[in-house]
Amino acid sequence: RQVLVINLDMIGSLSDDGLLEIAGVDAVRGLGKLVSPAVAAAGIAIAPELSYEQERADWAEFVRRGVPSLLFFTGLHDRYS
């Protein structure tokens, strides 16, 4: 049984604004409390909203099936196709 999906999509190629997009922290109670301190300690700024439609994401099928899923995404850029 799958209990959590962690998707690191395009990590390492921050978009021009330098913001990290995180989706799914509200999927499981307490998940945000685990993620937020780690991101803050790394000095990474979080984007206020996602730059794409979540329904098209790699992990969307897991979400549809009720599996808690976290997505870390560094934004759309020229290398993203």
PDB file of N, CA and C in Angstrom:
ATOM      1  N   ARG A   1       0.838  -1.178   0.000  1.00  0.00           N
ATOM      2  CA  ARG A   1       0.000   0.000   0.000  1.00  0.00           C
ATOM      3  C   ARG A   1       0.885   1.244   0.000  1.00  0.00           C
ATOM      4  N   GLN A   2       0.605   2.143  -0.893  1.00  0.00           N
ATOM      5  CA  GLN A   2       1.327   3.412  -0.989  1.00  0.00           C
ATOM      6  C   GLN A   2       0.794   4.351   0.080  1.00  0.00           C
ATOM      7  N   VAL A   3       1.663   4.889   0.925  1.00  0.00           N
ATOM      8  CA  VAL A   3       1.209   5.772   1.998  1.00  0.00           C
ATOM      9  C   VAL A   3       1.557   7.240   1.768  1.00  0.00           C
ATOM     10  N   LEU A   4       2.544   7.522   0.922  1.00  0.00           N
ATOM     11  CA  LEU A   4       2.928   8.898   0.638  1.00  0.00           C
ATOM     12  C   LEU A   4       3.755   8.930  -0.641  1.00  0.00           C
ATOM     13  N   VAL A   5       3.480   9.909  -1.474  1.00  0.00           N
ATOM     14  CA  VAL A   5       4.279  10.145  -2.676  1.00  0.00           C
ATOM     15  C   VAL A   5       5.030  11.458  -2.472  1.00  0.00           C
ATOM     16  N   ILE A   6       6.322  11.439  -2.744  1.00  0.00           N
ATOM     17  CA  ILE A   6       7.123  12.663  -2.734  1.00  0.00           C
ATOM     18  C   ILE A   6       7.707  12.808  -4.124  1.00  0.00           C
ATOM     19  N   ASN A   7       7.288  13.846  -4.838  1.00  0.00           N
ATOM     20  CA  ASN A   7       7.712  14.077  -6.213  1.00  0.00           C
ATOM     21  C   ASN A   7       8.626  15.298  -6.245  1.00  0.00           C
ATOM     22  N   LEU A   8       9.859  15.089  -6.663  1.00  0.00           N
ATOM     23  CA  LEU A   8      10.833  16.173  -6.805  1.00  0.00           C
ATOM     24  C   LEU A   8      10.966  16.438  -8.297  1.00  0.00           C
ATOM     25  N   ASP A   9      10.218  17.405  -8.780  1.00  0.00           N
ATOM     26  CA  ASP A   9      10.140  17.662 -10.216  1.00  0.00           C
ATOM     27  C   ASP A   9      10.970  18.880 -10.592  1.00  0.00           C
ATOM     28  N   MET A  10      11.998  18.676 -11.392  1.00  0.00           N
ATOM     29  CA  MET A  10      12.860  19.746 -11.889  1.00  0.00           C
ATOM     30  C   MET A  10      13.610  20.453 -10.763  1.00  0.00           C
ATOM     31  N   ILE A  11      13.853  19.791  -9.666  1.00  0.00           N
ATOM     32  CA  ILE A  11      14.592  20.397  -8.564  1.00  0.00           C
ATOM     33  C   ILE A  11      16.021  20.676  -9.025  1.00  0.00           C
ATOM     34  N   GLY A  12      16.501  21.846  -8.685  1.00  0.00           N
ATOM     35  CA  GLY A  12      17.849  22.229  -9.067  1.00  0.00           C
ATOM     36  C   GLY A  12      17.886  23.263 -10.175  1.00  0.00           C
ATOM     37  N   SER A  13      16.740  23.550 -10.749  1.00  0.00           N
ATOM     38  CA  SER A  13      16.653  24.559 -11.808  1.00  0.00           C
ATOM     39  C   SER A  13      15.606  25.587 -11.422  1.00  0.00           C
ATOM     40  N   LEU A  14      15.884  26.336 -10.372  1.00  0.00           N
ATOM     41  CA  LEU A  14      14.915  27.339  -9.940  1.00  0.00           C
ATOM     42  C   LEU A  14      14.596  28.307 -11.070  1.00  0.00           C
ATOM     43  N   SER A  15      13.344  28.687 -11.159  1.00  0.00           N
ATOM     44  CA  SER A  15      12.927  29.670 -12.151  1.00  0.00           C
ATOM     45  C   SER A  15      13.541  31.022 -11.801  1.00  0.00           C
ATOM     46  N   ASP A  16      13.378  31.987 -12.668  1.00  0.00           N
ATOM     47  CA  ASP A  16      13.998  33.299 -12.486  1.00  0.00           C
ATOM     48  C   ASP A  16      13.638  33.964 -11.157  1.00  0.00           C
ATOM     49  N   ASP A  17      12.428  33.672 -10.647  1.00  0.00           N
ATOM     50  CA  ASP A  17      12.026  34.307  -9.393  1.00  0.00           C
ATOM     51  C   ASP A  17      12.639  33.626  -8.167  1.00  0.00           C
ATOM     52  N   GLY A  18      13.257  32.462  -8.346  1.00  0.00           N
ATOM     53  CA  GLY A  18      13.931  31.772  -7.259  1.00  0.00           C
ATOM     54  C   GLY A  18      13.026  31.153  -6.224  1.00  0.00           C
ATOM     55  N   LEU A  19      11.743  30.993  -6.555  1.00  0.00           N
ATOM     56  CA  LEU A  19      10.782  30.444  -5.596  1.00  0.00           C
ATOM     57  C   LEU A  19      10.562  28.957  -5.814  1.00  0.00           C
ATOM     58  N   LEU A  20      10.424  28.226  -4.742  1.00  0.00           N
ATOM     59  CA  LEU A  20      10.104  26.808  -4.789  1.00  0.00           C
ATOM     60  C   LEU A  20       8.596  26.645  -4.650  1.00  0.00           C
ATOM     61  N   GLU A  21       8.010  25.841  -5.515  1.00  0.00           N
ATOM     62  CA  GLU A  21       6.577  25.560  -5.416  1.00  0.00           C
ATOM     63  C   GLU A  21       6.406  24.240  -4.671  1.00  0.00           C
ATOM     64  N   ILE A  22       5.494  24.236  -3.694  1.00  0.00           N
ATOM     65  CA  ILE A  22       5.205  23.020  -2.934  1.00  0.00           C
ATOM     66  C   ILE A  22       3.701  22.808  -2.948  1.00  0.00           C
ATOM     67  N   ALA A  23       3.294  21.636  -3.351  1.00  0.00           N
ATOM     68  CA  ALA A  23       1.872  21.287  -3.341  1.00  0.00           C
ATOM     69  C   ALA A  23       1.675  20.054  -2.475  1.00  0.00           C
ATOM     70  N   GLY A  24       0.537  19.983  -1.828  1.00  0.00           N
ATOM     71  CA  GLY A  24       0.160  18.801  -1.068  1.00  0.00           C
ATOM     72  C   GLY A  24       0.425  18.854   0.416  1.00  0.00           C
ATOM     73  N   VAL A  25       0.973  19.959   0.916  1.00  0.00           N
ATOM     74  CA  VAL A  25       1.277  20.006   2.360  1.00  0.00           C
ATOM     75  C   VAL A  25       0.021  19.936   3.218  1.00  0.00           C
ATOM     76  N   ASP A  26      -1.111  20.229   2.634  1.00  0.00           N
ATOM     77  CA  ASP A  26      -2.358  20.158   3.392  1.00  0.00           C
ATOM     78  C   ASP A  26      -3.064  18.807   3.223  1.00  0.00           C
ATOM     79  N   ALA A  27      -2.405  17.862   2.540  1.00  0.00           N
ATOM     80  CA  ALA A  27      -3.024  16.560   2.275  1.00  0.00           C
ATOM     81  C   ALA A  27      -3.156  15.702   3.531  1.00  0.00           C
ATOM     82  N   VAL A  28      -2.232  15.845   4.441  1.00  0.00           N
ATOM     83  CA  VAL A  28      -2.231  15.059   5.667  1.00  0.00           C
ATOM     84  C   VAL A  28      -1.967  16.006   6.831  1.00  0.00           C
ATOM     85  N   ARG A  29      -2.751  15.857   7.858  1.00  0.00           N
ATOM     86  CA  ARG A  29      -2.577  16.708   9.039  1.00  0.00           C
ATOM     87  C   ARG A  29      -1.154  16.590   9.567  1.00  0.00           C
ATOM     88  N   GLY A  30      -0.509  17.726   9.754  1.00  0.00           N
ATOM     89  CA  GLY A  30       0.837  17.747  10.291  1.00  0.00           C
ATOM     90  C   GLY A  30       1.945  17.726   9.257  1.00  0.00           C
ATOM     91  N   LEU A  31       1.611  17.448   8.008  1.00  0.00           N
ATOM     92  CA  LEU A  31       2.640  17.376   6.978  1.00  0.00           C
ATOM     93  C   LEU A  31       3.314  18.732   6.768  1.00  0.00           C
ATOM     94  N   GLY A  32       2.538  19.784   6.789  1.00  0.00           N
ATOM     95  CA  GLY A  32       3.094  21.123   6.648  1.00  0.00           C
ATOM     96  C   GLY A  32       4.070  21.461   7.766  1.00  0.00           C
ATOM     97  N   LYS A  33       3.781  20.954   8.973  1.00  0.00           N
ATOM     98  CA  LYS A  33       4.666  21.203  10.113  1.00  0.00           C
ATOM     99  C   LYS A  33       6.005  20.497   9.951  1.00  0.00           C
ATOM    100  N   LEU A  34       6.035  19.438   9.166  1.00  0.00           N
ATOM    101  CA  LEU A  34       7.287  18.744   8.891  1.00  0.00           C
ATOM    102  C   LEU A  34       8.074  19.428   7.776  1.00  0.00           C
ATOM    103  N   VAL A  35       7.378  19.897   6.777  1.00  0.00           N
ATOM    104  CA  VAL A  35       8.013  20.478   5.597  1.00  0.00           C
ATOM    105  C   VAL A  35       8.515  21.898   5.850  1.00  0.00           C
ATOM    106  N   SER A  36       7.706  22.731   6.478  1.00  0.00           N
ATOM    107  CA  SER A  36       8.037  24.150   6.640  1.00  0.00           C
ATOM    108  C   SER A  36       9.380  24.424   7.316  1.00  0.00           C
ATOM    109  N   PRO A  37       9.699  23.776   8.443  1.00  0.00           N
ATOM    110  CA  PRO A  37      10.991  24.060   9.079  1.00  0.00           C
ATOM    111  C   PRO A  37      12.187  23.676   8.205  1.00  0.00           C
ATOM    112  N   ALA A  38      12.081  22.587   7.485  1.00  0.00           N
ATOM    113  CA  ALA A  38      13.179  22.150   6.625  1.00  0.00           C
ATOM    114  C   ALA A  38      13.423  23.147   5.505  1.00  0.00           C
ATOM    115  N   VAL A  39      12.344  23.640   4.914  1.00  0.00           N
ATOM    116  CA  VAL A  39      12.464  24.619   3.832  1.00  0.00           C
ATOM    117  C   VAL A  39      13.012  25.936   4.381  1.00  0.00           C
ATOM    118  N   ALA A  40      12.533  26.351   5.532  1.00  0.00           N
ATOM    119  CA  ALA A  40      13.011  27.587   6.139  1.00  0.00           C
ATOM    120  C   ALA A  40      14.497  27.488   6.497  1.00  0.00           C
ATOM    121  N   ALA A  41      14.911  26.349   7.034  1.00  0.00           N
ATOM    122  CA  ALA A  41      16.313  26.155   7.403  1.00  0.00           C
ATOM    123  C   ALA A  41      17.224  26.195   6.179  1.00  0.00           C
ATOM    124  N   ALA A  42      16.697  25.792   5.038  1.00  0.00           N
ATOM    125  CA  ALA A  42      17.477  25.815   3.800  1.00  0.00           C
ATOM    126  C   ALA A  42      17.507  27.206   3.176  1.00  0.00           C
ATOM    127  N   GLY A  43      16.700  28.120   3.711  1.00  0.00           N
ATOM    128  CA  GLY A  43      16.673  29.483   3.186  1.00  0.00           C
ATOM    129  C   GLY A  43      15.998  29.600   1.835  1.00  0.00           C
ATOM    130  N   ILE A  44      15.053  28.731   1.579  1.00  0.00           N
ATOM    131  CA  ILE A  44      14.348  28.718   0.296  1.00  0.00           C
ATOM    132  C   ILE A  44      13.014  29.437   0.444  1.00  0.00           C
ATOM    133  N   ALA A  45      12.714  30.327  -0.482  1.00  0.00           N
ATOM    134  CA  ALA A  45      11.431  31.037  -0.480  1.00  0.00           C
ATOM    135  C   ALA A  45      10.380  30.186  -1.193  1.00  0.00           C
ATOM    136  N   ILE A  46       9.184  30.178  -0.633  1.00  0.00           N
ATOM    137  CA  ILE A  46       8.085  29.378  -1.184  1.00  0.00           C
ATOM    138  C   ILE A  46       7.180  30.258  -2.034  1.00  0.00           C
ATOM    139  N   ALA A  47       6.807  29.749  -3.190  1.00  0.00           N
ATOM    140  CA  ALA A  47       5.886  30.459  -4.083  1.00  0.00           C
ATOM    141  C   ALA A  47       4.496  30.482  -3.455  1.00  0.00           C
ATOM    142  N   PRO A  48       3.780  31.589  -3.593  1.00  0.00           N
ATOM    143  CA  PRO A  48       2.444  31.678  -3.001  1.00  0.00           C
ATOM    144  C   PRO A  48       1.412  30.820  -3.729  1.00  0.00           C
ATOM    145  N   GLU A  49       1.675  30.479  -4.979  1.00  0.00           N
ATOM    146  CA  GLU A  49       0.746  29.620  -5.734  1.00  0.00           C
ATOM    147  C   GLU A  49       1.513  28.818  -6.763  1.00  0.00           C
ATOM    148  N   LEU A  50       0.870  27.794  -7.297  1.00  0.00           N
ATOM    149  CA  LEU A  50       1.500  26.922  -8.286  1.00  0.00           C
ATOM    150  C   LEU A  50       1.406  27.528  -9.683  1.00  0.00           C
ATOM    151  N   SER A  51       2.388  27.220 -10.517  1.00  0.00           N
ATOM    152  CA  SER A  51       2.441  27.778 -11.866  1.00  0.00           C
ATOM    153  C   SER A  51       1.865  26.850 -12.928  1.00  0.00           C
ATOM    154  N   TYR A  52       1.209  25.777 -12.517  1.00  0.00           N
ATOM    155  CA  TYR A  52       0.679  24.795 -13.468  1.00  0.00           C
ATOM    156  C   TYR A  52      -0.601  24.194 -12.894  1.00  0.00           C
ATOM    157  N   GLU A  53      -1.289  23.441 -13.720  1.00  0.00           N
ATOM    158  CA  GLU A  53      -2.521  22.780 -13.281  1.00  0.00           C
ATOM    159  C   GLU A  53      -2.160  21.456 -12.608  1.00  0.00           C
ATOM    160  N   GLN A  54      -2.544  21.307 -11.362  1.00  0.00           N
ATOM    161  CA  GLN A  54      -2.193  20.094 -10.617  1.00  0.00           C
ATOM    162  C   GLN A  54      -2.753  18.825 -11.241  1.00  0.00           C
ATOM    163  N   GLU A  55      -3.870  18.933 -11.938  1.00  0.00           N
ATOM    164  CA  GLU A  55      -4.488  17.753 -12.544  1.00  0.00           C
ATOM    165  C   GLU A  55      -3.581  17.121 -13.587  1.00  0.00           C
ATOM    166  N   ARG A  56      -2.623  17.888 -14.110  1.00  0.00           N
ATOM    167  CA  ARG A  56      -1.714  17.397 -15.143  1.00  0.00           C
ATOM    168  C   ARG A  56      -0.383  16.920 -14.565  1.00  0.00           C
ATOM    169  N   ALA A  57      -0.197  17.051 -13.269  1.00  0.00           N
ATOM    170  CA  ALA A  57       1.073  16.693 -12.641  1.00  0.00           C
ATOM    171  C   ALA A  57       1.297  15.184 -12.661  1.00  0.00           C
ATOM    172  N   ASP A  58       2.568  14.803 -12.561  1.00  0.00           N
ATOM    173  CA  ASP A  58       2.944  13.382 -12.558  1.00  0.00           C
ATOM    174  C   ASP A  58       2.241  12.597 -11.459  1.00  0.00           C
ATOM    175  N   TRP A  59       2.015  13.235 -10.344  1.00  0.00           N
ATOM    176  CA  TRP A  59       1.455  12.535  -9.194  1.00  0.00           C
ATOM    177  C   TRP A  59      -0.064  12.658  -9.082  1.00  0.00           C
ATOM    178  N   ALA A  60      -0.718  13.235 -10.073  1.00  0.00           N
ATOM    179  CA  ALA A  60      -2.163  13.475 -10.015  1.00  0.00           C
ATOM    180  C   ALA A  60      -2.970  12.192  -9.795  1.00  0.00           C
ATOM    181  N   GLU A  61      -2.550  11.109 -10.389  1.00  0.00           N
ATOM    182  CA  GLU A  61      -3.294   9.849 -10.224  1.00  0.00           C
ATOM    183  C   GLU A  61      -3.241   9.365  -8.773  1.00  0.00           C
ATOM    184  N   PHE A  62      -2.133   9.575  -8.109  1.00  0.00           N
ATOM    185  CA  PHE A  62      -2.054   9.209  -6.691  1.00  0.00           C
ATOM    186  C   PHE A  62      -3.044  10.037  -5.877  1.00  0.00           C
ATOM    187  N   VAL A  63      -3.107  11.332  -6.165  1.00  0.00           N
ATOM    188  CA  VAL A  63      -4.033  12.223  -5.471  1.00  0.00           C
ATOM    189  C   VAL A  63      -5.470  11.771  -5.717  1.00  0.00           C
ATOM    190  N   ARG A  64      -5.801  11.445  -6.966  1.00  0.00           N
ATOM    191  CA  ARG A  64      -7.159  10.978  -7.287  1.00  0.00           C
ATOM    192  C   ARG A  64      -7.530   9.714  -6.519  1.00  0.00           C
ATOM    193  N   ARG A  65      -6.524   8.907  -6.221  1.00  0.00           N
ATOM    194  CA  ARG A  65      -6.774   7.657  -5.492  1.00  0.00           C
ATOM    195  C   ARG A  65      -6.660   7.818  -3.977  1.00  0.00           C
ATOM    196  N   GLY A  66      -6.477   9.068  -3.519  1.00  0.00           N
ATOM    197  CA  GLY A  66      -6.459   9.344  -2.088  1.00  0.00           C
ATOM    198  C   GLY A  66      -5.123   9.142  -1.402  1.00  0.00           C
ATOM    199  N   VAL A  67      -4.040   9.012  -2.178  1.00  0.00           N
ATOM    200  CA  VAL A  67      -2.713   8.857  -1.584  1.00  0.00           C
ATOM    201  C   VAL A  67      -2.122  10.246  -1.339  1.00  0.00           C
ATOM    202  N   PRO A  68      -1.767  10.577  -0.104  1.00  0.00           N
ATOM    203  CA  PRO A  68      -1.161  11.876   0.173  1.00  0.00           C
ATOM    204  C   PRO A  68       0.092  12.062  -0.686  1.00  0.00           C
ATOM    205  N   SER A  69       0.218  13.235  -1.284  1.00  0.00           N
ATOM    206  CA  SER A  69       1.305  13.477  -2.227  1.00  0.00           C
ATOM    207  C   SER A  69       1.879  14.866  -2.045  1.00  0.00           C
ATOM    208  N   LEU A  70       3.194  14.927  -1.992  1.00  0.00           N
ATOM    209  CA  LEU A  70       3.907  16.191  -1.925  1.00  0.00           C
ATOM    210  C   LEU A  70       4.627  16.402  -3.249  1.00  0.00           C
ATOM    211  N   LEU A  71       4.557  17.594  -3.754  1.00  0.00           N
ATOM    212  CA  LEU A  71       5.271  17.938  -4.981  1.00  0.00           C
ATOM    213  C   LEU A  71       6.156  19.135  -4.693  1.00  0.00           C
ATOM    214  N   PHE A  72       7.426  18.997  -5.006  1.00  0.00           N
ATOM    215  CA  PHE A  72       8.378  20.099  -4.936  1.00  0.00           C
ATOM    216  C   PHE A  72       8.755  20.412  -6.377  1.00  0.00           C
ATOM    217  N   PHE A  73       8.531  21.643  -6.798  1.00  0.00           N
ATOM    218  CA  PHE A  73       8.706  22.025  -8.200  1.00  0.00           C
ATOM    219  C   PHE A  73       9.412  23.368  -8.254  1.00  0.00           C
ATOM    220  N   THR A  74      10.416  23.489  -9.109  1.00  0.00           N
ATOM    221  CA  THR A  74      11.189  24.720  -9.162  1.00  0.00           C
ATOM    222  C   THR A  74      10.740  25.652 -10.287  1.00  0.00           C
ATOM    223  N   GLY A  75       9.588  25.395 -10.834  1.00  0.00           N
ATOM    224  CA  GLY A  75       9.009  26.331 -11.799  1.00  0.00           C
ATOM    225  C   GLY A  75       9.265  25.982 -13.254  1.00  0.00           C
ATOM    226  N   LEU A  76       8.448  26.567 -14.103  1.00  0.00           N
ATOM    227  CA  LEU A  76       8.556  26.362 -15.542  1.00  0.00           C
ATOM    228  C   LEU A  76       9.707  27.196 -16.099  1.00  0.00           C
ATOM    229  N   HIS A  77      10.404  26.646 -17.062  1.00  0.00           N
ATOM    230  CA  HIS A  77      11.488  27.361 -17.721  1.00  0.00           C
ATOM    231  C   HIS A  77      11.703  26.762 -19.109  1.00  0.00           C
ATOM    232  N   ASP A  78      12.651  27.274 -19.858  1.00  0.00           N
ATOM    233  CA  ASP A  78      12.866  26.859 -21.236  1.00  0.00           C
ATOM    234  C   ASP A  78      13.192  25.377 -21.381  1.00  0.00           C
ATOM    235  N   ARG A  79      13.821  24.761 -20.383  1.00  0.00           N
ATOM    236  CA  ARG A  79      14.175  23.345 -20.467  1.00  0.00           C
ATOM    237  C   ARG A  79      12.993  22.434 -20.165  1.00  0.00           C
ATOM    238  N   TYR A  80      11.911  22.988 -19.669  1.00  0.00           N
ATOM    239  CA  TYR A  80      10.715  22.205 -19.351  1.00  0.00           C
ATOM    240  C   TYR A  80       9.873  22.066 -20.607  1.00  0.00           C
ATOM    241  N   SER A  81       9.615  20.844 -21.004  1.00  0.00           N
ATOM    242  CA  SER A  81       8.806  20.653 -22.208  1.00  0.00           C
ATOM    243  C   SER A  81       7.737  19.614 -21.999  1.00  0.00           C
TER     244      SER A  81
END
